[in-house]
Amino acid sequence: MAIRLLSMISGVKQFHKLQSVVTRNQISDVPKGHFAVYVGETEKKRYVIPIAYLNHTSFQELLQKAEEEFGFQHPMGALTIPCNEDAFFHVTSRLNNYL
């Protein structure tokens, strides 16, 4: 019985180790000062954008739309903005010119 318990504990430790490696790899592709969002009405595409966008009213409006649609349960596991990509590009291009 003790051997079986040790085997189970070892399996759990390996799972957590693997999970932390996967999580670290997902985070590492986002540069410091940026965050990932998924954008799209039906097919979602991932974009990495500067955190500074969070301070701007036009981007906050996109976030309010996301909150209305998803609340705090985002289906992609990260912030999901339910607008078409053209609207997203319009907002972010204006912010790029502003920054």
PDB file of N, CA and C in Angstrom:
ATOM      1  N   MET A   1       0.818  -1.197   0.000  1.00  0.00           N
ATOM      2  CA  MET A   1       0.000   0.000   0.000  1.00  0.00           C
ATOM      3  C   MET A   1       0.864   1.264   0.000  1.00  0.00           C
ATOM      4  N   ALA A   2       1.921   1.265   0.796  1.00  0.00           N
ATOM      5  CA  ALA A   2       2.803   2.430   0.860  1.00  0.00           C
ATOM      6  C   ALA A   2       3.498   2.656  -0.481  1.00  0.00           C
ATOM      7  N   ILE A   3       3.861   1.575  -1.169  1.00  0.00           N
ATOM      8  CA  ILE A   3       4.522   1.706  -2.471  1.00  0.00           C
ATOM      9  C   ILE A   3       3.561   2.318  -3.484  1.00  0.00           C
ATOM     10  N   ARG A   4       2.312   1.900  -3.425  1.00  0.00           N
ATOM     11  CA  ARG A   4       1.302   2.453  -4.344  1.00  0.00           C
ATOM     12  C   ARG A   4       1.091   3.945  -4.082  1.00  0.00           C
ATOM     13  N   LEU A   5       1.067   4.326  -2.806  1.00  0.00           N
ATOM     14  CA  LEU A   5       0.899   5.731  -2.442  1.00  0.00           C
ATOM     15  C   LEU A   5       2.080   6.557  -2.930  1.00  0.00           C
ATOM     16  N   LEU A   6       3.303   6.034  -2.767  1.00  0.00           N
ATOM     17  CA  LEU A   6       4.489   6.740  -3.250  1.00  0.00           C
ATOM     18  C   LEU A   6       4.448   6.894  -4.771  1.00  0.00           C
ATOM     19  N   SER A   7       3.964   5.879  -5.463  1.00  0.00           N
ATOM     20  CA  SER A   7       3.841   5.932  -6.916  1.00  0.00           C
ATOM     21  C   SER A   7       2.844   7.012  -7.334  1.00  0.00           C
ATOM     22  N   MET A   8       1.737   7.108  -6.615  1.00  0.00           N
ATOM     23  CA  MET A   8       0.731   8.123  -6.926  1.00  0.00           C
ATOM     24  C   MET A   8       1.287   9.527  -6.678  1.00  0.00           C
ATOM     25  N   ILE A   9       2.007   9.703  -5.568  1.00  0.00           N
ATOM     26  CA  ILE A   9       2.590  11.009  -5.249  1.00  0.00           C
ATOM     27  C   ILE A   9       3.603  11.404  -6.320  1.00  0.00           C
ATOM     28  N   SER A  10       4.404  10.448  -6.746  1.00  0.00           N
ATOM     29  CA  SER A  10       5.379  10.706  -7.801  1.00  0.00           C
ATOM     30  C   SER A  10       4.686  11.136  -9.091  1.00  0.00           C
ATOM     31  N   GLY A  11       3.568  10.472  -9.425  1.00  0.00           N
ATOM     32  CA  GLY A  11       2.805  10.828 -10.622  1.00  0.00           C
ATOM     33  C   GLY A  11       2.240  12.234 -10.545  1.00  0.00           C
ATOM     34  N   VAL A  12       1.746  12.611  -9.370  1.00  0.00           N
ATOM     35  CA  VAL A  12       1.190  13.958  -9.176  1.00  0.00           C
ATOM     36  C   VAL A  12       2.301  14.999  -9.315  1.00  0.00           C
ATOM     37  N   LYS A  13       3.467  14.719  -8.740  1.00  0.00           N
ATOM     38  CA  LYS A  13       4.596  15.655  -8.844  1.00  0.00           C
ATOM     39  C   LYS A  13       5.010  15.836 -10.301  1.00  0.00           C
ATOM     40  N   GLN A  14       5.050  14.756 -11.055  1.00  0.00           N
ATOM     41  CA  GLN A  14       5.422  14.843 -12.465  1.00  0.00           C
ATOM     42  C   GLN A  14       4.400  15.662 -13.244  1.00  0.00           C
ATOM     43  N   PHE A  15       3.112  15.467 -12.928  1.00  0.00           N
ATOM     44  CA  PHE A  15       2.058  16.220 -13.600  1.00  0.00           C
ATOM     45  C   PHE A  15       2.218  17.713 -13.335  1.00  0.00           C
ATOM     46  N   HIS A  16       2.436  18.093 -12.076  1.00  0.00           N
ATOM     47  CA  HIS A  16       2.590  19.507 -11.739  1.00  0.00           C
ATOM     48  C   HIS A  16       3.838  20.103 -12.391  1.00  0.00           C
ATOM     49  N   LYS A  17       4.906  19.324 -12.466  1.00  0.00           N
ATOM     50  CA  LYS A  17       6.126  19.790 -13.117  1.00  0.00           C
ATOM     51  C   LYS A  17       5.865  20.049 -14.600  1.00  0.00           C
ATOM     52  N   LEU A  18       5.191  19.124 -15.270  1.00  0.00           N
ATOM     53  CA  LEU A  18       4.857  19.278 -16.684  1.00  0.00           C
ATOM     54  C   LEU A  18       3.935  20.468 -16.889  1.00  0.00           C
ATOM     55  N   GLN A  19       2.955  20.616 -16.009  1.00  0.00           N
ATOM     56  CA  GLN A  19       2.000  21.721 -16.119  1.00  0.00           C
ATOM     57  C   GLN A  19       2.723  23.063 -15.988  1.00  0.00           C
ATOM     58  N   SER A  20       3.685  23.171 -15.071  1.00  0.00           N
ATOM     59  CA  SER A  20       4.400  24.434 -14.905  1.00  0.00           C
ATOM     60  C   SER A  20       5.274  24.742 -16.118  1.00  0.00           C
ATOM     61  N   VAL A  21       5.840  23.716 -16.754  1.00  0.00           N
ATOM     62  CA  VAL A  21       6.639  23.930 -17.962  1.00  0.00           C
ATOM     63  C   VAL A  21       5.750  24.434 -19.087  1.00  0.00           C
ATOM     64  N   VAL A  22       4.582  23.833 -19.265  1.00  0.00           N
ATOM     65  CA  VAL A  22       3.650  24.258 -20.311  1.00  0.00           C
ATOM     66  C   VAL A  22       3.204  25.688 -20.067  1.00  0.00           C
ATOM     67  N   THR A  23       2.841  26.013 -18.839  1.00  0.00           N
ATOM     68  CA  THR A  23       2.403  27.362 -18.504  1.00  0.00           C
ATOM     69  C   THR A  23       3.526  28.361 -18.743  1.00  0.00           C
ATOM     70  N   ARG A  24       4.731  28.017 -18.331  1.00  0.00           N
ATOM     71  CA  ARG A  24       5.872  28.910 -18.515  1.00  0.00           C
ATOM     72  C   ARG A  24       6.131  29.156 -19.997  1.00  0.00           C
ATOM     73  N   ASN A  25       5.993  28.131 -20.835  1.00  0.00           N
ATOM     74  CA  ASN A  25       6.199  28.293 -22.270  1.00  0.00           C
ATOM     75  C   ASN A  25       5.134  29.183 -22.891  1.00  0.00           C
ATOM     76  N   GLN A  26       3.889  29.085 -22.417  1.00  0.00           N
ATOM     77  CA  GLN A  26       2.824  29.924 -22.950  1.00  0.00           C
ATOM     78  C   GLN A  26       3.051  31.380 -22.580  1.00  0.00           C
ATOM     79  N   ILE A  27       3.535  31.623 -21.387  1.00  0.00           N
ATOM     80  CA  ILE A  27       3.748  32.983 -20.921  1.00  0.00           C
ATOM     81  C   ILE A  27       4.991  33.583 -21.563  1.00  0.00           C
ATOM     82  N   SER A  28       6.005  32.769 -21.818  1.00  0.00           N
ATOM     83  CA  SER A  28       7.284  33.290 -22.284  1.00  0.00           C
ATOM     84  C   SER A  28       7.212  33.916 -23.676  1.00  0.00           C
ATOM     85  N   ASP A  29       6.195  33.598 -24.460  1.00  0.00           N
ATOM     86  CA  ASP A  29       6.117  34.202 -25.785  1.00  0.00           C
ATOM     87  C   ASP A  29       5.466  35.581 -25.754  1.00  0.00           C
ATOM     88  N   VAL A  30       5.121  36.056 -24.567  1.00  0.00           N
ATOM     89  CA  VAL A  30       4.570  37.401 -24.412  1.00  0.00           C
ATOM     90  C   VAL A  30       5.653  38.265 -23.777  1.00  0.00           C
ATOM     91  N   PRO A  31       6.154  39.266 -24.506  1.00  0.00           N
ATOM     92  CA  PRO A  31       7.225  40.106 -23.954  1.00  0.00           C
ATOM     93  C   PRO A  31       6.758  40.889 -22.734  1.00  0.00           C
ATOM     94  N   LYS A  32       7.707  41.254 -21.921  1.00  0.00           N
ATOM     95  CA  LYS A  32       7.417  42.061 -20.745  1.00  0.00           C
ATOM     96  C   LYS A  32       6.740  43.363 -21.185  1.00  0.00           C
ATOM     97  N   GLY A  33       5.694  43.761 -20.459  1.00  0.00           N
ATOM     98  CA  GLY A  33       4.979  44.982 -20.796  1.00  0.00           C
ATOM     99  C   GLY A  33       3.871  44.781 -21.819  1.00  0.00           C
ATOM    100  N   HIS A  34       3.572  43.538 -22.152  1.00  0.00           N
ATOM    101  CA  HIS A  34       2.535  43.198 -23.125  1.00  0.00           C
ATOM    102  C   HIS A  34       1.606  42.133 -22.542  1.00  0.00           C
ATOM    103  N   PHE A  35       0.482  41.898 -23.207  1.00  0.00           N
ATOM    104  CA  PHE A  35      -0.401  40.804 -22.842  1.00  0.00           C
ATOM    105  C   PHE A  35      -1.091  40.276 -24.090  1.00  0.00           C
ATOM    106  N   ALA A  36      -1.577  39.053 -23.982  1.00  0.00           N
ATOM    107  CA  ALA A  36      -2.216  38.410 -25.131  1.00  0.00           C
ATOM    108  C   ALA A  36      -3.725  38.568 -25.050  1.00  0.00           C
ATOM    109  N   VAL A  37      -4.347  38.780 -26.197  1.00  0.00           N
ATOM    110  CA  VAL A  37      -5.806  38.817 -26.308  1.00  0.00           C
ATOM    111  C   VAL A  37      -6.214  37.985 -27.515  1.00  0.00           C
ATOM    112  N   TYR A  38      -7.426  37.473 -27.455  1.00  0.00           N
ATOM    113  CA  TYR A  38      -8.014  36.788 -28.612  1.00  0.00           C
ATOM    114  C   TYR A  38      -9.084  37.700 -29.166  1.00  0.00           C
ATOM    115  N   VAL A  39      -9.075  37.884 -30.479  1.00  0.00           N
ATOM    116  CA  VAL A  39      -9.989  38.821 -31.129  1.00  0.00           C
ATOM    117  C   VAL A  39     -10.739  38.112 -32.244  1.00  0.00           C
ATOM    118  N   GLY A  40     -12.030  38.397 -32.336  1.00  0.00           N
ATOM    119  CA  GLY A  40     -12.832  37.871 -33.424  1.00  0.00           C
ATOM    120  C   GLY A  40     -14.242  37.575 -32.979  1.00  0.00           C
ATOM    121  N   GLU A  41     -15.151  37.584 -33.927  1.00  0.00           N
ATOM    122  CA  GLU A  41     -16.547  37.285 -33.614  1.00  0.00           C
ATOM    123  C   GLU A  41     -16.810  35.789 -33.660  1.00  0.00           C
ATOM    124  N   THR A  42     -16.274  35.094 -34.640  1.00  0.00           N
ATOM    125  CA  THR A  42     -16.458  33.640 -34.713  1.00  0.00           C
ATOM    126  C   THR A  42     -15.116  32.941 -34.567  1.00  0.00           C
ATOM    127  N   GLU A  43     -14.196  33.194 -35.479  1.00  0.00           N
ATOM    128  CA  GLU A  43     -12.861  32.603 -35.381  1.00  0.00           C
ATOM    129  C   GLU A  43     -11.958  33.574 -34.643  1.00  0.00           C
ATOM    130  N   LYS A  44     -11.375  33.131 -33.552  1.00  0.00           N
ATOM    131  CA  LYS A  44     -10.553  34.001 -32.710  1.00  0.00           C
ATOM    132  C   LYS A  44      -9.080  33.892 -33.096  1.00  0.00           C
ATOM    133  N   LYS A  45      -8.415  35.054 -33.217  1.00  0.00           N
ATOM    134  CA  LYS A  45      -6.980  35.097 -33.480  1.00  0.00           C
ATOM    135  C   LYS A  45      -6.299  35.751 -32.283  1.00  0.00           C
ATOM    136  N   ARG A  46      -5.099  35.286 -31.982  1.00  0.00           N
ATOM    137  CA  ARG A  46      -4.356  35.771 -30.824  1.00  0.00           C
ATOM    138  C   ARG A  46      -3.431  36.915 -31.235  1.00  0.00           C
ATOM    139  N   TYR A  47      -3.449  37.979 -30.419  1.00  0.00           N
ATOM    140  CA  TYR A  47      -2.584  39.131 -30.626  1.00  0.00           C
ATOM    141  C   TYR A  47      -1.899  39.473 -29.315  1.00  0.00           C
ATOM    142  N   VAL A  48      -0.677  39.945 -29.399  1.00  0.00           N
ATOM    143  CA  VAL A  48       0.065  40.408 -28.233  1.00  0.00           C
ATOM    144  C   VAL A  48       0.166  41.920 -28.351  1.00  0.00           C
ATOM    145  N   ILE A  49      -0.331  42.615 -27.318  1.00  0.00           N
ATOM    146  CA  ILE A  49      -0.411  44.070 -27.381  1.00  0.00           C
ATOM    147  C   ILE A  49       0.186  44.689 -26.117  1.00  0.00           C
ATOM    148  N   PRO A  50       0.592  45.959 -26.190  1.00  0.00           N
ATOM    149  CA  PRO A  50       1.184  46.634 -25.025  1.00  0.00           C
ATOM    150  C   PRO A  50       0.174  46.852 -23.907  1.00  0.00           C
ATOM    151  N   ILE A  51       0.631  46.742 -22.691  1.00  0.00           N
ATOM    152  CA  ILE A  51      -0.221  46.984 -21.524  1.00  0.00           C
ATOM    153  C   ILE A  51      -0.701  48.430 -21.503  1.00  0.00           C
ATOM    154  N   ALA A  52       0.056  49.331 -22.079  1.00  0.00           N
ATOM    155  CA  ALA A  52      -0.311  50.752 -22.090  1.00  0.00           C
ATOM    156  C   ALA A  52      -1.679  50.989 -22.722  1.00  0.00           C
ATOM    157  N   TYR A  53      -2.129  50.088 -23.587  1.00  0.00           N
ATOM    158  CA  TYR A  53      -3.454  50.234 -24.202  1.00  0.00           C
ATOM    159  C   TYR A  53      -4.569  50.269 -23.161  1.00  0.00           C
ATOM    160  N   LEU A  54      -4.345  49.641 -22.027  1.00  0.00           N
ATOM    161  CA  LEU A  54      -5.385  49.568 -20.999  1.00  0.00           C
ATOM    162  C   LEU A  54      -5.791  50.936 -20.465  1.00  0.00           C
ATOM    163  N   ASN A  55      -4.935  51.931 -20.617  1.00  0.00           N
ATOM    164  CA  ASN A  55      -5.223  53.272 -20.097  1.00  0.00           C
ATOM    165  C   ASN A  55      -6.100  54.113 -21.020  1.00  0.00           C
ATOM    166  N   HIS A  56      -6.358  53.644 -22.224  1.00  0.00           N
ATOM    167  CA  HIS A  56      -7.047  54.468 -23.219  1.00  0.00           C
ATOM    168  C   HIS A  56      -8.527  54.121 -23.320  1.00  0.00           C
ATOM    169  N   THR A  57      -9.326  55.146 -23.433  1.00  0.00           N
ATOM    170  CA  THR A  57     -10.781  55.012 -23.460  1.00  0.00           C
ATOM    171  C   THR A  57     -11.264  54.094 -24.580  1.00  0.00           C
ATOM    172  N   SER A  58     -10.693  54.227 -25.755  1.00  0.00           N
ATOM    173  CA  SER A  58     -11.162  53.413 -26.888  1.00  0.00           C
ATOM    174  C   SER A  58     -10.910  51.925 -26.643  1.00  0.00           C
ATOM    175  N   PHE A  59      -9.797  51.584 -26.011  1.00  0.00           N
ATOM    176  CA  PHE A  59      -9.539  50.176 -25.706  1.00  0.00           C
ATOM    177  C   PHE A  59     -10.418  49.713 -24.556  1.00  0.00           C
ATOM    178  N   GLN A  60     -10.682  50.573 -23.603  1.00  0.00           N
ATOM    179  CA  GLN A  60     -11.563  50.227 -22.489  1.00  0.00           C
ATOM    180  C   GLN A  60     -12.975  49.927 -22.977  1.00  0.00           C
ATOM    181  N   GLU A  61     -13.395  50.586 -24.060  1.00  0.00           N
ATOM    182  CA  GLU A  61     -14.706  50.285 -24.642  1.00  0.00           C
ATOM    183  C   GLU A  61     -14.740  48.860 -25.183  1.00  0.00           C
ATOM    184  N   LEU A  62     -13.642  48.420 -25.795  1.00  0.00           N
ATOM    185  CA  LEU A  62     -13.564  47.027 -26.254  1.00  0.00           C
ATOM    186  C   LEU A  62     -13.636  46.069 -25.068  1.00  0.00           C
ATOM    187  N   LEU A  63     -12.985  46.441 -23.976  1.00  0.00           N
ATOM    188  CA  LEU A  63     -13.009  45.594 -22.778  1.00  0.00           C
ATOM    189  C   LEU A  63     -14.411  45.512 -22.179  1.00  0.00           C
ATOM    190  N   GLN A  64     -15.152  46.618 -22.218  1.00  0.00           N
ATOM    191  CA  GLN A  64     -16.536  46.603 -21.728  1.00  0.00           C
ATOM    192  C   GLN A  64     -17.390  45.677 -22.577  1.00  0.00           C
ATOM    193  N   LYS A  65     -17.170  45.678 -23.881  1.00  0.00           N
ATOM    194  CA  LYS A  65     -17.897  44.765 -24.769  1.00  0.00           C
ATOM    195  C   LYS A  65     -17.575  43.319 -24.411  1.00  0.00           C
ATOM    196  N   ALA A  66     -16.303  43.051 -24.126  1.00  0.00           N
ATOM    197  CA  ALA A  66     -15.894  41.700 -23.726  1.00  0.00           C
ATOM    198  C   ALA A  66     -16.555  41.303 -22.412  1.00  0.00           C
ATOM    199  N   GLU A  67     -16.629  42.233 -21.471  1.00  0.00           N
ATOM    200  CA  GLU A  67     -17.263  41.937 -20.183  1.00  0.00           C
ATOM    201  C   GLU A  67     -18.750  41.648 -20.359  1.00  0.00           C
ATOM    202  N   GLU A  68     -19.424  42.419 -21.211  1.00  0.00           N
ATOM    203  CA  GLU A  68     -20.850  42.191 -21.456  1.00  0.00           C
ATOM    204  C   GLU A  68     -21.097  40.816 -22.063  1.00  0.00           C
ATOM    205  N   GLU A  69     -20.213  40.394 -22.954  1.00  0.00           N
ATOM    206  CA  GLU A  69     -20.405  39.123 -23.646  1.00  0.00           C
ATOM    207  C   GLU A  69     -19.991  37.924 -22.808  1.00  0.00           C
ATOM    208  N   PHE A  70     -18.832  38.023 -22.152  1.00  0.00           N
ATOM    209  CA  PHE A  70     -18.270  36.863 -21.473  1.00  0.00           C
ATOM    210  C   PHE A  70     -18.225  36.977 -19.957  1.00  0.00           C
ATOM    211  N   GLY A  71     -18.415  38.161 -19.397  1.00  0.00           N
ATOM    212  CA  GLY A  71     -18.201  38.325 -17.963  1.00  0.00           C
ATOM    213  C   GLY A  71     -16.721  38.102 -17.689  1.00  0.00           C
ATOM    214  N   PHE A  72     -16.440  37.230 -16.734  1.00  0.00           N
ATOM    215  CA  PHE A  72     -15.043  36.934 -16.431  1.00  0.00           C
ATOM    216  C   PHE A  72     -14.693  35.507 -16.805  1.00  0.00           C
ATOM    217  N   GLN A  73     -15.546  34.844 -17.574  1.00  0.00           N
ATOM    218  CA  GLN A  73     -15.311  33.474 -18.044  1.00  0.00           C
ATOM    219  C   GLN A  73     -15.014  33.503 -19.533  1.00  0.00           C
ATOM    220  N   HIS A  74     -13.758  33.679 -19.882  1.00  0.00           N
ATOM    221  CA  HIS A  74     -13.370  33.780 -21.288  1.00  0.00           C
ATOM    222  C   HIS A  74     -13.105  32.388 -21.856  1.00  0.00           C
ATOM    223  N   PRO A  75     -13.736  32.049 -22.970  1.00  0.00           N
ATOM    224  CA  PRO A  75     -13.677  30.687 -23.511  1.00  0.00           C
ATOM    225  C   PRO A  75     -12.289  30.255 -23.982  1.00  0.00           C
ATOM    226  N   MET A  76     -11.434  31.189 -24.330  1.00  0.00           N
ATOM    227  CA  MET A  76     -10.113  30.832 -24.847  1.00  0.00           C
ATOM    228  C   MET A  76      -9.080  30.698 -23.724  1.00  0.00           C
ATOM    229  N   GLY A  77      -9.488  30.960 -22.486  1.00  0.00           N
ATOM    230  CA  GLY A  77      -8.559  30.880 -21.378  1.00  0.00           C
ATOM    231  C   GLY A  77      -7.750  32.153 -21.180  1.00  0.00           C
ATOM    232  N   ALA A  78      -7.987  33.132 -22.004  1.00  0.00           N
ATOM    233  CA  ALA A  78      -7.331  34.440 -21.901  1.00  0.00           C
ATOM    234  C   ALA A  78      -8.364  35.485 -22.303  1.00  0.00           C
ATOM    235  N   LEU A  79      -8.004  36.723 -22.162  1.00  0.00           N
ATOM    236  CA  LEU A  79      -8.919  37.805 -22.510  1.00  0.00           C
ATOM    237  C   LEU A  79      -9.372  37.660 -23.956  1.00  0.00           C
ATOM    238  N   THR A  80     -10.692  37.619 -24.153  1.00  0.00           N
ATOM    239  CA  THR A  80     -11.275  37.469 -25.483  1.00  0.00           C
ATOM    240  C   THR A  80     -12.113  38.703 -25.784  1.00  0.00           C
ATOM    241  N   ILE A  81     -11.826  39.349 -26.902  1.00  0.00           N
ATOM    242  CA  ILE A  81     -12.560  40.556 -27.298  1.00  0.00           C
ATOM    243  C   ILE A  81     -13.447  40.199 -28.486  1.00  0.00           C
ATOM    244  N   PRO A  82     -14.778  40.251 -28.295  1.00  0.00           N
ATOM    245  CA  PRO A  82     -15.712  39.804 -29.336  1.00  0.00           C
ATOM    246  C   PRO A  82     -16.056  40.886 -30.353  1.00  0.00           C
ATOM    247  N   CYS A  83     -15.066  41.348 -31.090  1.00  0.00           N
ATOM    248  CA  CYS A  83     -15.338  42.313 -32.152  1.00  0.00           C
ATOM    249  C   CYS A  83     -14.626  41.823 -33.399  1.00  0.00           C
ATOM    250  N   ASN A  84     -15.002  42.369 -34.550  1.00  0.00           N
ATOM    251  CA  ASN A  84     -14.304  41.931 -35.762  1.00  0.00           C
ATOM    252  C   ASN A  84     -12.893  42.513 -35.765  1.00  0.00           C
ATOM    253  N   GLU A  85     -12.033  41.861 -36.503  1.00  0.00           N
ATOM    254  CA  GLU A  85     -10.621  42.257 -36.506  1.00  0.00           C
ATOM    255  C   GLU A  85     -10.413  43.659 -37.055  1.00  0.00           C
ATOM    256  N   ASP A  86     -11.246  44.078 -37.993  1.00  0.00           N
ATOM    257  CA  ASP A  86     -11.104  45.428 -38.542  1.00  0.00           C
ATOM    258  C   ASP A  86     -11.305  46.486 -37.465  1.00  0.00           C
ATOM    259  N   ALA A  87     -12.310  46.298 -36.617  1.00  0.00           N
ATOM    260  CA  ALA A  87     -12.554  47.248 -35.525  1.00  0.00           C
ATOM    261  C   ALA A  87     -11.380  47.247 -34.547  1.00  0.00           C
ATOM    262  N   PHE A  88     -10.848  46.061 -34.253  1.00  0.00           N
ATOM    263  CA  PHE A  88      -9.695  45.941 -33.362  1.00  0.00           C
ATOM    264  C   PHE A  88      -8.481  46.657 -33.962  1.00  0.00           C
ATOM    265  N   PHE A  89      -8.236  46.443 -35.249  1.00  0.00           N
ATOM    266  CA  PHE A  89      -7.111  47.103 -35.922  1.00  0.00           C
ATOM    267  C   PHE A  89      -7.284  48.615 -35.933  1.00  0.00           C
ATOM    268  N   HIS A  90      -8.511  49.069 -36.118  1.00  0.00           N
ATOM    269  CA  HIS A  90      -8.780  50.508 -36.139  1.00  0.00           C
ATOM    270  C   HIS A  90      -8.404  51.124 -34.790  1.00  0.00           C
ATOM    271  N   VAL A  91      -8.850  50.498 -33.710  1.00  0.00           N
ATOM    272  CA  VAL A  91      -8.558  51.018 -32.371  1.00  0.00           C
ATOM    273  C   VAL A  91      -7.064  50.951 -32.082  1.00  0.00           C
ATOM    274  N   THR A  92      -6.452  49.798 -32.337  1.00  0.00           N
ATOM    275  CA  THR A  92      -5.029  49.650 -31.997  1.00  0.00           C
ATOM    276  C   THR A  92      -4.126  50.510 -32.880  1.00  0.00           C
ATOM    277  N   SER A  93      -4.500  50.740 -34.124  1.00  0.00           N
ATOM    278  CA  SER A  93      -3.667  51.599 -34.970  1.00  0.00           C
ATOM    279  C   SER A  93      -3.718  53.041 -34.472  1.00  0.00           C
ATOM    280  N   ARG A  94      -4.878  53.483 -34.010  1.00  0.00           N
ATOM    281  CA  ARG A  94      -4.963  54.825 -33.424  1.00  0.00           C
ATOM    282  C   ARG A  94      -4.112  54.902 -32.170  1.00  0.00           C
ATOM    283  N   LEU A  95      -4.140  53.852 -31.365  1.00  0.00           N
ATOM    284  CA  LEU A  95      -3.342  53.845 -30.130  1.00  0.00           C
ATOM    285  C   LEU A  95      -1.846  53.801 -30.450  1.00  0.00           C
ATOM    286  N   ASN A  96      -1.474  53.084 -31.493  1.00  0.00           N
ATOM    287  CA  ASN A  96      -0.061  53.038 -31.897  1.00  0.00           C
ATOM    288  C   ASN A  96       0.435  54.427 -32.281  1.00  0.00           C
ATOM    289  N   ASN A  97      -0.411  55.201 -32.945  1.00  0.00           N
ATOM    290  CA  ASN A  97      -0.048  56.559 -33.326  1.00  0.00           C
ATOM    291  C   ASN A  97       0.033  57.477 -32.107  1.00  0.00           C
ATOM    292  N   TYR A  98      -0.768  57.166 -31.086  1.00  0.00           N
ATOM    293  CA  TYR A  98      -0.826  57.986 -29.893  1.00  0.00           C
ATOM    294  C   TYR A  98       0.368  57.733 -28.983  1.00  0.00           C
ATOM    295  N   LEU A  99       0.815  56.460 -28.933  1.00  0.00           N
ATOM    296  CA  LEU A  99       1.912  56.092 -28.014  1.00  0.00           C
ATOM    297  C   LEU A  99       3.227  56.563 -28.492  1.00  0.00           C
TER     298      LEU A  99
END
